Protein backbone atom coordinates (compact mmCIF):
# COMPACT_ATOMS: atom_id res chain seq x y z
CA MET A 1 60.26 -2.01 -50.20
CA ALA A 2 56.66 -1.46 -51.05
CA VAL A 3 55.37 -1.14 -54.74
CA VAL A 4 53.49 2.05 -55.24
CA VAL A 5 51.73 2.73 -58.68
CA HIS A 6 50.55 6.13 -59.61
CA LYS A 7 47.95 6.83 -62.13
CA PHE A 8 47.43 10.37 -63.57
CA GLY A 9 44.50 11.02 -65.76
CA GLY A 10 44.45 13.65 -68.88
CA THR A 11 43.26 16.66 -66.34
CA SER A 12 46.08 15.77 -64.10
CA LEU A 13 48.32 16.32 -67.08
CA ALA A 14 46.74 19.06 -69.00
CA ASP A 15 50.00 21.05 -69.11
CA SER A 16 53.58 21.31 -68.54
CA ALA A 17 53.17 22.78 -65.14
CA CYS A 18 50.60 19.87 -64.36
CA ILE A 19 53.08 17.30 -65.38
CA CYS A 20 55.80 18.85 -63.25
CA ARG A 21 53.67 18.56 -60.29
CA CYS A 22 52.78 15.12 -60.82
CA ALA A 23 56.36 14.16 -61.37
CA ARG A 24 57.30 15.76 -57.98
CA ARG A 25 54.68 13.64 -56.28
CA ALA A 26 55.97 10.50 -57.95
CA ALA A 27 59.73 11.40 -57.30
CA SER A 28 58.70 11.93 -53.52
CA ALA A 29 57.36 8.31 -53.35
CA HIS A 30 60.41 7.03 -54.70
CA ARG A 31 62.87 8.93 -52.39
CA ASP A 32 60.79 7.35 -49.67
CA GLY A 33 62.17 4.03 -50.67
CA HIS A 34 59.11 2.75 -52.73
CA ARG A 35 59.45 0.92 -56.11
CA VAL A 36 57.33 3.25 -58.35
CA VAL A 37 55.09 2.81 -61.54
CA VAL A 38 53.71 5.71 -63.10
CA VAL A 39 50.80 5.22 -65.65
CA VAL A 40 49.81 8.03 -67.37
CA SER A 41 46.93 9.21 -69.92
CA ALA A 42 47.03 11.41 -72.65
CA MET A 43 47.20 15.10 -72.01
CA GLY A 44 44.06 16.96 -71.36
CA LYS A 45 41.66 16.47 -74.12
CA THR A 46 44.13 15.02 -76.49
CA THR A 47 42.34 11.69 -77.28
CA ASP A 48 38.99 13.69 -77.90
CA LYS A 49 41.12 15.82 -80.34
CA LEU A 50 42.42 12.70 -82.00
CA ILE A 51 39.17 11.40 -82.28
CA GLU A 52 37.86 14.60 -83.97
CA LEU A 53 40.84 14.57 -86.50
CA ALA A 54 40.17 11.04 -87.59
CA GLY A 55 36.58 12.45 -88.08
CA GLN A 56 38.15 15.05 -90.59
CA VAL A 57 39.47 12.13 -92.65
CA THR A 58 36.87 9.90 -92.80
CA ASP A 59 33.34 9.39 -91.26
CA GLN A 60 34.25 5.58 -90.80
CA PRO A 61 37.62 5.17 -89.57
CA SER A 62 39.13 1.90 -89.52
CA GLN A 63 39.33 0.77 -85.86
CA ARG A 64 42.94 -0.48 -86.22
CA GLU A 65 43.99 2.66 -87.56
CA LEU A 66 42.13 4.42 -84.87
CA ASP A 67 43.87 2.53 -82.19
CA MET A 68 47.31 3.48 -83.98
CA LEU A 69 46.28 7.15 -83.63
CA LEU A 70 45.24 7.24 -80.29
CA THR A 71 47.83 5.70 -78.62
CA THR A 72 50.10 8.28 -79.68
CA GLY A 73 48.72 10.59 -77.03
CA GLU A 74 50.01 8.50 -74.29
CA GLN A 75 53.35 8.40 -76.13
CA VAL A 76 53.52 12.12 -75.72
CA SER A 77 52.75 11.77 -71.96
CA ILE A 78 55.18 9.15 -70.87
CA ALA A 79 58.42 10.98 -72.83
CA LEU A 80 57.21 14.26 -71.09
CA MET A 81 56.64 12.61 -67.61
CA THR A 82 60.14 10.81 -67.69
CA MET A 83 61.41 13.98 -68.69
CA ALA A 84 60.09 15.81 -65.67
CA LEU A 85 61.24 13.14 -63.50
CA HIS A 86 64.78 13.35 -64.80
CA ARG A 87 64.70 17.05 -63.99
CA GLU A 88 63.83 16.06 -60.33
CA GLY A 89 66.94 14.02 -60.23
CA VAL A 90 65.19 10.80 -60.80
CA ASP A 91 66.54 7.72 -62.87
CA ALA A 92 63.39 6.97 -64.89
CA VAL A 93 62.44 5.39 -68.28
CA SER A 94 59.34 5.62 -70.55
CA MET A 95 57.58 2.24 -71.89
CA THR A 96 54.33 1.80 -74.02
CA GLY A 97 52.08 -0.81 -73.42
CA ALA A 98 53.48 -3.08 -75.54
CA GLN A 99 57.13 -2.68 -74.50
CA ILE A 100 55.89 -3.76 -70.60
CA GLY A 101 54.22 -7.00 -72.30
CA ILE A 102 50.51 -5.90 -72.07
CA ILE A 103 48.91 -8.79 -74.23
CA THR A 104 44.92 -8.19 -74.92
CA ASP A 105 42.70 -9.75 -77.04
CA GLU A 106 41.80 -8.59 -80.69
CA TYR A 107 39.28 -6.08 -80.12
CA HIS A 108 40.13 -2.76 -81.32
CA THR A 109 39.22 0.33 -79.28
CA LYS A 110 37.51 -1.87 -76.62
CA ALA A 111 40.19 -4.71 -76.05
CA ARG A 112 40.61 -6.59 -72.54
CA ILE A 113 43.95 -7.34 -70.59
CA ARG A 114 44.60 -10.96 -70.96
CA SER A 115 48.11 -10.97 -69.24
CA ILE A 116 51.12 -8.73 -68.51
CA ASP A 117 54.55 -10.09 -68.55
CA THR A 118 56.45 -8.61 -65.50
CA THR A 119 59.87 -9.57 -67.02
CA ALA A 120 60.46 -5.74 -68.02
CA LEU A 121 58.98 -4.16 -65.11
CA ASP A 122 61.00 -6.50 -62.61
CA ALA A 123 64.07 -5.41 -64.41
CA GLU A 124 64.03 -1.84 -64.53
CA LEU A 125 62.57 -1.34 -60.90
CA ASP A 126 65.36 -3.24 -59.86
CA ARG A 127 67.60 -1.25 -61.58
CA GLY A 128 66.09 1.45 -59.14
CA ARG A 129 64.19 3.35 -61.92
CA VAL A 130 60.47 4.58 -62.06
CA ILE A 131 58.63 3.35 -64.67
CA VAL A 132 56.67 5.57 -66.66
CA VAL A 133 53.91 3.43 -68.40
CA ALA A 134 51.34 4.64 -71.37
CA GLY A 135 47.83 3.46 -70.16
CA PHE A 136 45.11 2.66 -72.13
CA GLN A 137 47.07 0.50 -74.32
CA GLY A 138 48.59 -3.04 -75.06
CA MET A 139 49.10 -5.35 -78.03
CA SER A 140 47.07 -8.25 -78.98
CA SER A 141 48.97 -11.77 -79.52
CA GLU A 142 49.11 -11.12 -83.05
CA GLY A 143 51.41 -8.21 -82.58
CA GLN A 144 48.65 -5.60 -83.19
CA ILE A 145 48.50 -2.22 -80.81
CA THR A 146 45.16 -2.10 -79.15
CA THR A 147 43.44 0.16 -76.56
CA LEU A 148 41.22 -0.61 -74.00
CA GLY A 149 38.40 1.93 -74.31
CA ARG A 150 37.31 4.74 -72.38
CA GLY A 151 38.92 4.77 -69.14
CA GLY A 152 41.50 2.26 -69.94
CA SER A 153 44.47 3.76 -68.20
CA ASP A 154 42.65 2.83 -64.81
CA THR A 155 42.69 -0.61 -65.61
CA THR A 156 46.17 -0.48 -66.89
CA ALA A 157 47.44 0.92 -63.28
CA VAL A 158 45.51 -1.38 -61.28
CA ALA A 159 46.19 -4.41 -63.51
CA ILE A 160 50.17 -3.48 -62.69
CA ALA A 161 49.62 -2.92 -59.45
CA ALA A 162 48.05 -6.66 -59.36
CA VAL A 163 51.10 -8.40 -61.27
CA LEU A 164 53.54 -6.50 -59.27
CA GLY A 165 51.86 -7.85 -55.90
CA VAL A 166 50.28 -4.78 -54.47
CA GLY A 167 48.12 -6.02 -51.75
CA SER A 168 50.31 -9.25 -51.28
CA LYS A 169 53.52 -10.05 -49.44
CA ARG A 170 55.30 -9.48 -52.78
CA GLY A 171 54.30 -6.09 -53.10
CA GLY A 172 55.53 -5.18 -49.81
CA PRO A 173 53.70 -3.75 -46.98
CA GLY A 174 52.11 -0.56 -47.38
CA GLY A 175 51.99 -1.01 -51.36
CA VAL A 176 49.02 1.06 -53.05
CA CYS A 177 47.68 1.87 -56.28
CA GLU A 178 46.69 5.61 -56.29
CA ILE A 179 44.41 6.97 -58.82
CA TYR A 180 44.89 10.44 -59.15
CA THR A 181 42.08 12.92 -60.58
CA ASP A 182 40.48 16.39 -60.70
CA VAL A 183 38.18 15.52 -57.91
CA ASP A 184 38.96 14.74 -54.12
CA GLY A 185 37.81 11.19 -54.12
CA VAL A 186 34.48 9.45 -54.79
CA TYR A 187 31.43 11.32 -53.95
CA THR A 188 27.79 10.14 -53.51
CA ALA A 189 27.18 11.56 -57.05
CA ASP A 190 29.13 13.36 -59.76
CA PRO A 191 29.89 17.04 -57.93
CA ARG A 192 29.56 18.53 -61.14
CA ILE A 193 25.85 17.67 -61.30
CA VAL A 194 25.01 17.38 -57.69
CA PRO A 195 26.34 20.36 -56.20
CA ASN A 196 25.68 18.87 -52.67
CA ALA A 197 27.68 15.79 -53.33
CA ARG A 198 29.47 14.41 -50.42
CA LYS A 199 33.01 12.70 -50.80
CA LEU A 200 33.30 9.20 -48.85
CA ASP A 201 36.34 8.25 -46.98
CA ARG A 202 35.76 4.86 -48.10
CA ILE A 203 33.60 2.75 -50.12
CA GLY A 204 33.21 -1.20 -50.75
CA THR A 205 34.42 -2.77 -53.73
CA GLU A 206 31.20 -4.13 -54.48
CA GLU A 207 29.66 -0.85 -54.43
CA MET A 208 32.14 0.90 -56.14
CA LEU A 209 31.92 -1.60 -59.13
CA GLU A 210 28.16 -1.30 -59.25
CA LEU A 211 28.67 2.66 -59.45
CA ALA A 212 31.74 2.54 -61.82
CA SER A 213 29.79 0.35 -64.09
CA LEU A 214 26.38 2.24 -63.95
CA GLY A 215 28.23 5.60 -64.82
CA ALA A 216 30.37 7.06 -62.20
CA GLY A 217 33.05 8.08 -64.22
CA VAL A 218 35.68 8.52 -61.35
CA LEU A 219 37.14 4.89 -61.89
CA HIS A 220 36.64 2.60 -64.53
CA SER A 221 34.85 -0.71 -63.78
CA ARG A 222 37.28 -2.95 -65.14
CA ALA A 223 39.88 -1.38 -62.96
CA VAL A 224 37.59 -1.97 -59.86
CA ILE A 225 37.29 -5.75 -60.71
CA PHE A 226 40.86 -6.20 -61.19
CA GLY A 227 41.60 -4.50 -57.48
CA GLN A 228 38.35 -6.57 -56.05
CA ARG A 229 39.85 -9.93 -57.59
CA TYR A 230 43.77 -9.45 -56.56
CA ASN A 231 42.79 -7.51 -53.18
CA VAL A 232 44.60 -4.46 -54.47
CA PRO A 233 44.16 -1.12 -52.20
CA ILE A 234 43.06 1.44 -54.64
CA HIS A 235 43.12 5.10 -53.31
CA VAL A 236 41.13 7.68 -55.07
CA ARG A 237 42.43 11.20 -54.94
CA ASN A 238 43.17 14.71 -56.05
CA SER A 239 46.54 15.34 -57.87
CA ASP A 240 46.36 18.92 -56.91
CA SER A 241 46.15 18.32 -53.30
CA ALA A 242 47.88 16.31 -50.54
CA GLU A 243 44.38 15.56 -48.77
CA GLU A 244 43.33 12.03 -48.21
CA GLY A 245 40.91 10.66 -51.08
CA THR A 246 38.64 7.96 -50.92
CA MET A 247 39.97 4.30 -50.33
CA ILE A 248 38.11 1.38 -51.94
CA VAL A 249 38.02 -1.31 -49.61
CA ARG A 250 36.19 -4.95 -49.02
CA GLU A 251 32.89 -4.58 -47.43
CA THR A 252 32.50 -4.63 -43.75
CA PRO A 253 29.23 -5.65 -41.46
CA GLU A 254 28.70 -2.07 -40.52
CA MET A 255 28.33 -0.88 -44.33
CA GLU A 256 24.94 -2.45 -44.37
CA ASP A 257 23.99 0.16 -42.00
CA VAL A 258 24.02 2.46 -44.66
CA THR A 259 21.20 1.84 -47.29
CA VAL A 260 22.09 3.80 -50.27
CA VAL A 261 25.84 5.03 -50.59
CA GLY A 262 25.81 6.97 -53.91
CA CYS A 263 24.08 7.57 -56.98
CA ALA A 264 25.29 7.63 -60.70
CA LEU A 265 24.02 8.54 -63.87
CA ALA A 266 24.94 6.87 -67.47
CA ALA A 267 24.11 8.91 -70.42
CA GLU A 268 23.90 8.38 -74.25
CA LEU A 269 22.49 4.95 -74.09
CA GLY A 270 20.41 3.37 -77.12
CA ARG A 271 17.79 0.67 -77.14
CA ILE A 272 17.65 -1.83 -79.59
CA SER A 273 14.30 -3.76 -79.67
CA VAL A 274 13.54 -6.90 -81.97
CA ARG A 275 10.09 -8.25 -82.52
CA GLY A 276 8.40 -11.49 -83.65
CA ILE A 277 11.76 -13.56 -83.55
CA PRO A 278 11.00 -17.25 -83.38
CA ASN A 279 10.45 -18.38 -79.38
CA THR A 280 12.48 -21.19 -79.77
CA PRO A 281 15.58 -22.64 -77.63
CA GLY A 282 18.93 -21.23 -78.55
CA MET A 283 17.53 -18.16 -80.56
CA GLN A 284 18.62 -15.68 -77.93
CA ALA A 285 22.07 -17.16 -77.74
CA ASP A 286 22.35 -16.60 -81.61
CA ILE A 287 21.50 -13.36 -80.94
CA PHE A 288 23.64 -12.15 -78.08
CA GLU A 289 26.67 -14.30 -79.49
CA ARG A 290 26.73 -12.49 -82.90
CA ILE A 291 26.58 -9.26 -80.38
CA ALA A 292 29.43 -10.44 -78.61
CA THR A 293 31.54 -10.30 -81.49
CA THR A 294 31.09 -6.66 -81.80
CA GLY A 295 32.72 -6.17 -78.08
CA ALA A 296 29.38 -4.23 -77.00
CA ILE A 297 28.40 -4.44 -73.36
CA VAL A 298 24.86 -5.47 -73.10
CA ASP A 299 22.59 -4.33 -70.23
CA ASP A 300 18.87 -4.46 -69.08
CA ILE A 301 17.82 -7.29 -71.37
CA ILE A 302 14.10 -7.84 -71.29
CA GLN A 303 12.09 -10.60 -73.23
CA THR A 304 8.33 -10.88 -73.58
CA GLU A 305 6.64 -13.99 -75.20
CA ALA A 306 3.91 -13.81 -77.67
CA GLY A 307 2.68 -17.18 -78.74
CA GLU A 308 5.28 -18.84 -81.16
CA THR A 309 7.25 -15.73 -81.11
CA ALA A 310 9.01 -13.39 -78.91
CA ASN A 311 10.18 -9.66 -78.35
CA VAL A 312 13.43 -9.04 -77.13
CA SER A 313 14.96 -5.42 -76.02
CA PHE A 314 18.51 -4.57 -74.40
CA MET A 315 20.58 -1.65 -73.98
CA VAL A 316 23.88 -0.66 -75.07
CA ASN A 317 25.92 2.49 -75.30
CA ARG A 318 24.99 4.54 -77.85
CA ARG A 319 28.45 4.46 -79.59
CA ASP A 320 28.31 0.80 -80.09
CA LEU A 321 24.75 1.07 -81.64
CA PRO A 322 26.26 1.17 -85.47
CA ASP A 323 27.93 -2.34 -84.44
CA VAL A 324 25.27 -3.94 -83.05
CA LYS A 325 22.71 -2.70 -85.55
CA VAL A 326 24.67 -4.49 -88.33
CA ALA A 327 25.10 -7.63 -86.11
CA MET A 328 21.18 -7.86 -85.46
CA GLU A 329 20.36 -7.29 -89.04
CA ARG A 330 22.43 -10.41 -89.71
CA VAL A 331 20.84 -12.65 -87.41
CA LEU A 332 17.36 -11.45 -88.37
CA GLN A 333 18.38 -11.97 -92.20
CA GLU A 334 19.42 -15.39 -91.29
CA ALA A 335 16.29 -16.36 -89.39
CA GLY A 336 14.03 -14.76 -92.19
CA ILE A 337 11.75 -13.28 -89.48
CA GLY A 338 11.48 -10.38 -86.92
CA ASP A 339 11.96 -6.66 -87.30
CA MET A 340 13.97 -3.93 -85.52
CA SER A 341 13.78 -0.66 -84.06
CA ILE A 342 16.53 1.34 -82.15
CA GLU A 343 15.68 4.40 -79.70
CA THR A 344 18.42 6.73 -78.43
CA GLY A 345 18.12 9.73 -76.11
CA LEU A 346 17.93 7.48 -73.18
CA ALA A 347 19.66 7.66 -69.79
CA LYS A 348 20.20 5.35 -66.55
CA ILE A 349 19.77 6.80 -63.07
CA SER A 350 20.88 4.47 -60.29
CA ALA A 351 21.14 3.77 -56.48
CA VAL A 352 23.56 1.66 -55.07
CA GLY A 353 24.15 0.26 -51.55
CA VAL A 354 24.67 -2.75 -49.55
CA GLY A 355 22.35 -1.97 -47.04
CA MET A 356 19.54 -2.56 -49.83
CA ARG A 357 20.04 -6.25 -48.72
CA THR A 358 18.64 -5.61 -45.23
CA HIS A 359 16.49 -2.45 -45.59
CA ALA A 360 12.81 -2.49 -47.55
CA GLY A 361 11.37 0.86 -48.99
CA VAL A 362 14.19 1.54 -51.16
CA ALA A 363 12.54 1.39 -54.39
CA ALA A 364 9.37 3.09 -53.06
CA THR A 365 11.44 5.92 -52.11
CA MET A 366 13.20 6.18 -55.70
CA PHE A 367 10.04 5.71 -57.44
CA ARG A 368 8.34 8.46 -55.65
CA ALA A 369 11.24 10.91 -55.91
CA LEU A 370 11.05 10.61 -59.64
CA GLY A 371 7.22 10.75 -59.88
CA ASP A 372 6.95 13.81 -57.70
CA ALA A 373 9.71 15.49 -60.15
CA GLY A 374 7.63 14.57 -63.17
CA ILE A 375 10.49 11.85 -64.52
CA HIS A 376 9.20 9.28 -66.78
CA ILE A 377 10.48 5.59 -66.02
CA ALA A 378 11.02 3.77 -68.90
CA ASN A 379 12.45 0.52 -67.71
CA ILE A 380 13.35 -0.79 -64.04
CA SER A 381 16.07 -3.01 -63.27
CA THR A 382 17.64 -4.56 -60.10
CA SER A 383 20.30 -6.53 -58.44
CA GLU A 384 20.83 -7.38 -54.71
CA ILE A 385 22.47 -3.81 -54.19
CA LYS A 386 21.19 -1.60 -56.83
CA ILE A 387 18.22 -0.19 -58.25
CA SER A 388 18.16 1.60 -61.81
CA CYS A 389 15.58 3.36 -63.87
CA ILE A 390 15.88 4.19 -67.59
CA VAL A 391 14.67 7.76 -68.11
CA PRO A 392 14.86 10.60 -70.81
CA GLU A 393 18.41 11.65 -71.52
CA GLY A 394 17.24 15.27 -71.06
CA GLN A 395 15.81 14.59 -67.77
CA GLY A 396 18.74 12.38 -66.41
CA LYS A 397 20.64 14.99 -64.69
CA ASN A 398 17.53 16.09 -62.74
CA ALA A 399 16.87 12.68 -61.89
CA LEU A 400 20.13 12.33 -60.60
CA ARG A 401 19.79 15.21 -58.12
CA VAL A 402 16.28 14.00 -57.14
CA VAL A 403 17.33 10.61 -56.25
CA HIS A 404 20.42 11.80 -54.46
CA ASP A 405 18.31 13.96 -52.04
CA ALA A 406 15.52 11.64 -51.33
CA PHE A 407 18.10 9.20 -49.96
CA GLY A 408 19.82 12.46 -47.92
CA LEU A 409 23.28 11.69 -49.52
CA GLY A 410 24.37 15.23 -49.29
CA ASN A 411 23.83 15.45 -45.64
CA THR A 412 25.47 13.35 -42.89
CA PRO A 413 26.26 9.70 -43.32
CA GLU A 414 23.50 8.62 -40.67
CA SER A 415 20.96 10.36 -42.60
CA SER A 416 20.96 7.92 -45.79
CA VAL A 417 19.73 5.15 -43.65
CA ILE A 418 16.16 4.35 -44.42
CA GLY A 419 14.14 2.89 -41.70
CA VAL A 420 12.33 -0.13 -42.34
CA ARG A 421 9.00 -0.09 -43.24
CA ALA A 422 6.39 -1.96 -45.35
CA GLY A 423 7.23 -2.35 -49.28
CA SER A 424 9.66 -4.57 -51.08
CA ARG A 425 12.85 -3.25 -52.49
């Protein structure tokens, strides 16, 4: 028997009818003889409403209490989903993240999974039950309830699939982790912003990881990392359709024939710039070790030297700015030198594809498209398979459409191959 993990997001569980429809899908997999685990998010916009409710009580809620509040959303979902499965005649049991043994680090609202004890999972699956797990949550080694941040239910699902052996002999042939959402799969860009975006039948794990980390909201980046590390097959598909979605697979040689596979937009970014810090060994470590204590993800770090001092700037998500600002103020106060400025209203537009390794002219195409559209580029960063530009947030959506069209991604797959020409990537 194969292990099959189904993850249903909030839009797939918007109301009781949606929950029953998802339950029927899980019940069908169980009747086919699979060992089934269902991971669920909070219903609809429940998490947003809970955050809003906390804001009505205080403008500075305790991160611990916020986690305690937010985890209630998933607990409602697991109970209702289990009831719906019972109605389908399926023996099922609901369990919180803590009950199935998900242990995280201590960072509230953005914890990371450290380990999962499979004892409870194996015991219930051996009884022939479908296990309905609350995504997005776990428990620290100190016994504190934690949450995994936005998109954390994806991470829960793929991590569970990994420890149950999906993708290995232990998980049985045909095992898979299916991520159900409100779109048909992974697109060349967000179809809500780019109407002519094209669904991909498959995408490489490396490309998917870049797109996810750069703002493609269909799958959380940490979920892709678990899938890549433990060889978990991930199928992204629509919960309201029987059609095949997008398989996330290992890269193959022919993937390099396509220069750019997709584009992503990350909005709500902020840039912190620090000027006049001592240009001495270890100063950068002091800065970013302090920032690391906030749990914020830092990107696009730039340093310029000015004699005995240096200027450093970096990007973070806007929601992390308050904590990072406090951390930076402490560093500067201890150093007794330097000043800081914060800029908001920024977005990042990125083009991704493993074919960039073997095709020239990609950067020129992207920059020309943005320039012709009158979109100012504030910063540029690259890796082997991606090019990113920081642009004004108000122009972000248009920038996504412009770059997507520049690479012909809305047409046939062949049209996205850029011919080799003069110019560096």
